[in-house]
Amino acid sequence: MNPLPEDMENTLTGSQSSHASLRDVHSINPTQLMARIESYEGREKKGISDVRRTFCLFVTFDLLFVTLLWIIELNVNGGIENTLEKEVVQYDYYSSYFDIFLLAVFRFKVLILAYAVCRLRHWWAIALTTAVTSAFLLAKVILSKLFSQGAFGYVLPIISFILAWIETWFLDFKVLPQEAEEENRLLIVQDASERAALIPGGLSDGQFYSPPESEAGSENEAEEKQDSEKPLLEL
């Protein structure tokens, strides 16, 4: 039995692959695509994304952590009431930590208002808070006398500076890119659903049915059988 020619094998392989691709195209289910679109839209309607919620939690942690450090500093330097009166009522830029606490409140209010309430998708708000925080802390460290007041003179400015820049990094490299990726994914799904709606649904797998390949040499055997029967018919 002679094997099939290579051209015939390539033709059969190409036809099978084309039939498979057609079945994949017509197997698109618009119902599933619409369900996925509704899931994306429902996720946007129910509230902010998970990564943005994490960012807002970190902003809250920033305020609470700086507040905790400031309260500890008040207790260490002679009691909360006396030190609070000294730092708030008799505020002195060169020796008070109260302005660092107000700086944390400023960051919290601006960022929560911009990215939780207004759901801003731009970096200008975080750029504003980080720039103000960095400029204020650098000026305070250079001009004030915090370093002569113990460990808190180092800890509070450094912690505030680091937290402000971590918030900037998290928003710029995590929140905004992931939300943009989710939007692109939603657009792709919507585009696929529109294309699937244009495909006629009357086609079935039976229209792409291809008969199984015949065994190699079966045609040659049939021809040999016909040739052997010809002399008998002539007799």
Protein backbone atom coordinates (compact mmCIF):
# COMPACT_ATOMS: atom_id res chain seq x y z
CA MET A 1 0.00 0.00 0.00
CA ASN A 2 1.39 3.36 -1.02
CA PRO A 3 1.21 6.24 1.45
CA LEU A 4 -0.75 9.37 0.56
CA PRO A 5 1.21 12.12 -1.16
CA GLU A 6 2.47 14.96 1.03
CA ASP A 7 0.33 17.50 -0.84
CA MET A 8 -2.84 15.54 -0.03
CA GLU A 9 -1.88 15.27 3.64
CA ASN A 10 -1.20 19.01 3.85
CA THR A 11 -4.56 19.72 2.21
CA LEU A 12 -6.40 17.51 4.69
CA THR A 13 -4.56 19.07 7.63
CA GLY A 14 -5.33 22.60 6.42
CA SER A 15 -9.00 21.80 5.93
CA GLN A 16 -9.27 20.32 9.42
CA SER A 17 -7.61 23.34 11.02
CA SER A 18 -9.86 25.75 9.11
CA HIS A 19 -12.93 23.81 10.20
CA ALA A 20 -11.72 23.96 13.80
CA SER A 21 -11.20 27.71 13.63
CA LEU A 22 -14.68 28.18 12.19
CA ARG A 23 -16.17 26.14 14.99
CA ASP A 24 -14.28 28.32 17.52
CA VAL A 25 -15.65 31.50 15.95
CA HIS A 26 -19.24 30.27 15.86
CA SER A 27 -18.99 28.87 19.38
CA ILE A 28 -18.91 32.42 20.81
CA ASN A 29 -21.81 32.80 23.18
CA PRO A 30 -23.12 36.39 23.35
CA THR A 31 -24.94 35.58 26.59
CA GLN A 32 -21.67 34.78 28.34
CA LEU A 33 -20.06 37.95 27.02
CA MET A 34 -22.98 40.08 28.21
CA ALA A 35 -22.80 38.43 31.61
CA ARG A 36 -19.14 39.35 31.82
CA ILE A 37 -19.89 42.93 30.81
CA GLU A 38 -22.58 43.15 33.50
CA SER A 39 -20.12 41.84 36.07
CA TYR A 40 -17.62 44.58 35.17
CA GLU A 41 -20.30 47.28 35.22
CA GLY A 42 -21.70 45.97 38.50
CA ARG A 43 -18.24 46.09 40.02
CA GLU A 44 -17.94 49.75 39.05
CA LYS A 45 -21.41 50.61 40.34
CA LYS A 46 -21.06 48.91 43.71
CA GLY A 47 -18.11 51.09 44.77
CA ILE A 48 -14.42 51.71 44.37
CA SER A 49 -12.02 49.01 43.24
CA ASP A 50 -10.13 46.80 45.66
CA VAL A 51 -6.77 48.41 44.95
CA ARG A 52 -8.21 51.91 45.48
CA ARG A 53 -9.80 50.76 48.72
CA THR A 54 -6.40 49.52 49.86
CA PHE A 55 -4.90 52.91 49.01
CA CYS A 56 -7.56 54.69 51.09
CA LEU A 57 -6.84 52.35 54.00
CA PHE A 58 -3.15 53.19 53.77
CA VAL A 59 -3.96 56.92 53.77
CA THR A 60 -6.01 56.35 56.94
CA PHE A 61 -3.12 54.40 58.43
CA ASP A 62 -0.85 57.36 57.67
CA LEU A 63 -3.03 59.71 59.72
CA LEU A 64 -3.49 57.29 62.62
CA PHE A 65 0.19 56.38 62.80
CA VAL A 66 1.37 60.00 62.85
CA THR A 67 -1.31 60.80 65.45
CA LEU A 68 -0.14 57.92 67.62
CA LEU A 69 3.47 59.06 67.45
CA TRP A 70 2.45 62.62 68.31
CA ILE A 71 0.42 61.47 71.34
CA ILE A 72 3.39 59.40 72.53
CA GLU A 73 5.59 62.47 72.16
CA LEU A 74 3.11 64.50 74.23
CA ASN A 75 3.23 61.91 77.02
CA VAL A 76 7.00 61.64 76.99
CA ASN A 77 7.58 65.39 77.30
CA GLY A 78 5.65 66.00 80.54
CA GLY A 79 2.05 64.81 80.11
CA ILE A 80 -0.58 65.33 77.48
CA GLU A 81 -2.32 68.38 78.99
CA ASN A 82 0.78 70.46 79.66
CA THR A 83 2.55 69.55 76.41
CA LEU A 84 -0.65 69.98 74.38
CA GLU A 85 -1.10 73.50 75.70
CA LYS A 86 2.53 74.25 74.96
CA GLU A 87 2.44 72.91 71.39
CA VAL A 88 -1.05 74.03 70.36
CA VAL A 89 -1.98 77.13 72.35
CA GLN A 90 1.60 78.44 72.51
CA TYR A 91 2.53 77.12 69.08
CA ASP A 92 6.13 77.61 68.01
CA TYR A 93 7.23 76.60 64.53
CA TYR A 94 10.78 75.84 65.69
CA SER A 95 9.90 73.44 68.51
CA SER A 96 6.33 72.16 68.06
CA TYR A 97 5.23 68.86 66.47
CA PHE A 98 1.64 70.02 66.07
CA ASP A 99 2.19 71.17 62.49
CA ILE A 100 3.41 67.69 61.49
CA PHE A 101 0.13 66.30 62.81
CA LEU A 102 -1.81 68.94 60.83
CA LEU A 103 0.19 67.96 57.76
CA ALA A 104 -1.02 64.37 58.14
CA VAL A 105 -4.61 65.63 58.48
CA PHE A 106 -4.14 67.69 55.32
CA ARG A 107 -2.94 64.64 53.38
CA PHE A 108 -5.82 62.53 54.68
CA LYS A 109 -8.54 65.04 53.77
CA VAL A 110 -7.22 65.82 50.28
CA LEU A 111 -6.54 62.20 49.29
CA ILE A 112 -9.78 60.76 50.66
CA LEU A 113 -11.81 63.54 49.07
CA ALA A 114 -10.06 63.14 45.72
CA TYR A 115 -9.70 59.35 45.43
CA ALA A 116 -12.53 57.98 47.59
CA VAL A 117 -15.32 60.55 47.33
CA CYS A 118 -14.66 62.03 43.87
CA ARG A 119 -12.89 58.87 42.57
CA LEU A 120 -10.32 60.92 40.72
CA ARG A 121 -8.23 59.04 38.15
CA HIS A 122 -5.34 61.44 37.92
CA TRP A 123 -2.15 61.95 39.90
CA TRP A 124 -2.42 65.71 40.52
CA ALA A 125 -3.93 65.39 44.03
CA ILE A 126 -1.23 63.01 45.29
CA ALA A 127 1.40 65.20 43.62
CA LEU A 128 0.06 68.22 45.51
CA THR A 129 0.06 66.53 48.93
CA THR A 130 3.51 64.98 48.42
CA ALA A 131 5.02 68.25 47.22
CA VAL A 132 3.56 70.22 50.14
CA THR A 133 4.64 67.57 52.63
CA SER A 134 8.19 67.34 51.27
CA ALA A 135 8.70 71.12 51.11
CA PHE A 136 7.29 71.72 54.59
CA LEU A 137 9.29 68.94 56.25
CA LEU A 138 12.53 69.94 54.57
CA ALA A 139 12.05 73.55 55.67
CA LYS A 140 11.13 72.48 59.22
CA VAL A 141 14.12 70.17 59.55
CA ILE A 142 16.49 72.88 58.33
CA LEU A 143 15.07 75.81 60.32
CA SER A 144 13.64 74.24 63.49
CA LYS A 145 15.29 72.85 66.61
CA LEU A 146 13.64 69.43 66.59
CA PHE A 147 16.88 67.46 66.67
CA SER A 148 17.69 68.87 70.11
CA GLN A 149 14.41 67.50 71.58
CA GLY A 150 15.18 63.80 71.53
CA ALA A 151 14.34 60.90 69.27
CA PHE A 152 10.95 62.25 68.19
CA GLY A 153 12.72 65.14 66.49
CA TYR A 154 14.03 62.54 64.01
CA VAL A 155 11.17 60.04 63.96
CA LEU A 156 8.14 62.22 63.17
CA PRO A 157 9.58 64.12 60.17
CA ILE A 158 11.16 60.99 58.67
CA ILE A 159 8.00 58.87 59.11
CA SER A 160 5.80 61.58 57.58
CA PHE A 161 8.15 61.98 54.64
CA ILE A 162 8.35 58.22 53.95
CA LEU A 163 4.58 57.67 54.22
CA ALA A 164 3.83 60.51 51.80
CA TRP A 165 6.15 59.04 49.17
CA ILE A 166 4.83 55.49 49.68
CA GLU A 167 1.33 56.83 48.97
CA THR A 168 2.60 58.43 45.79
CA TRP A 169 4.29 55.21 44.64
CA PHE A 170 1.24 53.08 45.46
CA LEU A 171 -1.17 55.29 43.54
CA ASP A 172 1.07 55.81 40.52
CA PHE A 173 2.27 52.22 40.11
CA LYS A 174 -0.64 50.17 41.50
CA VAL A 175 -3.99 51.97 41.61
CA LEU A 176 -4.05 53.87 38.32
CA PRO A 177 -2.44 51.13 36.11
CA GLN A 178 -4.69 48.36 37.45
CA GLU A 179 -7.84 50.42 36.98
CA ALA A 180 -6.75 51.33 33.44
CA GLU A 181 -6.20 47.63 32.74
CA GLU A 182 -9.69 46.83 34.00
CA GLU A 183 -11.16 49.46 31.68
CA ASN A 184 -9.26 48.05 28.69
CA ARG A 185 -10.47 44.57 29.57
CA LEU A 186 -14.06 45.82 29.68
CA LEU A 187 -13.68 47.48 26.28
CA ILE A 188 -12.28 44.26 24.80
CA VAL A 189 -15.20 42.24 26.15
CA GLN A 190 -17.71 44.76 24.80
CA ASP A 191 -16.05 44.73 21.39
CA ALA A 192 -16.11 40.91 21.34
CA SER A 193 -19.80 40.92 22.25
CA GLU A 194 -20.60 43.32 19.41
CA ARG A 195 -18.72 41.14 16.94
CA ALA A 196 -20.44 38.02 18.24
CA ALA A 197 -23.83 39.68 17.72
CA LEU A 198 -23.00 40.21 14.05
CA ILE A 199 -22.18 36.52 13.46
CA PRO A 200 -25.24 34.61 12.12
CA GLY A 201 -26.46 32.06 14.65
CA GLY A 202 -28.05 29.65 12.16
CA LEU A 203 -24.81 27.77 11.50
CA SER A 204 -24.23 24.46 13.21
CA ASP A 205 -21.34 22.08 13.60
CA GLY A 206 -22.92 19.74 11.03
CA GLN A 207 -22.17 22.27 8.30
CA PHE A 208 -18.50 21.98 9.07
CA TYR A 209 -18.48 18.18 9.22
CA SER A 210 -15.63 16.57 7.33
CA PRO A 211 -15.67 12.81 6.64
CA PRO A 212 -12.98 10.72 8.28
CA GLU A 213 -9.83 10.10 6.33
CA SER A 214 -9.77 6.93 4.29
CA GLU A 215 -7.11 4.41 5.06
CA ALA A 216 -3.93 4.63 3.04
CA GLY A 217 -3.96 2.42 -0.04
CA SER A 218 -7.72 1.73 0.00
CA GLU A 219 -8.16 3.44 -3.38
CA ASN A 220 -5.31 1.43 -4.90
CA GLU A 221 -6.84 -1.84 -3.66
CA ALA A 222 -10.20 -0.96 -5.24
CA GLU A 223 -8.52 -0.23 -8.58
CA GLU A 224 -6.61 -3.57 -8.47
CA LYS A 225 -9.88 -5.41 -7.70
CA GLN A 226 -11.63 -3.79 -10.66
CA ASP A 227 -8.72 -4.70 -12.98
CA SER A 228 -8.87 -8.35 -11.85
CA GLU A 229 -12.61 -8.54 -12.54
CA LYS A 230 -12.37 -7.18 -16.11
CA PRO A 231 -11.07 -10.48 -17.75
CA LEU A 232 -13.90 -12.46 -16.16
CA LEU A 233 -16.46 -10.06 -17.56
CA GLU A 234 -14.89 -10.32 -21.04
CA LEU A 235 -15.13 -14.14 -20.95
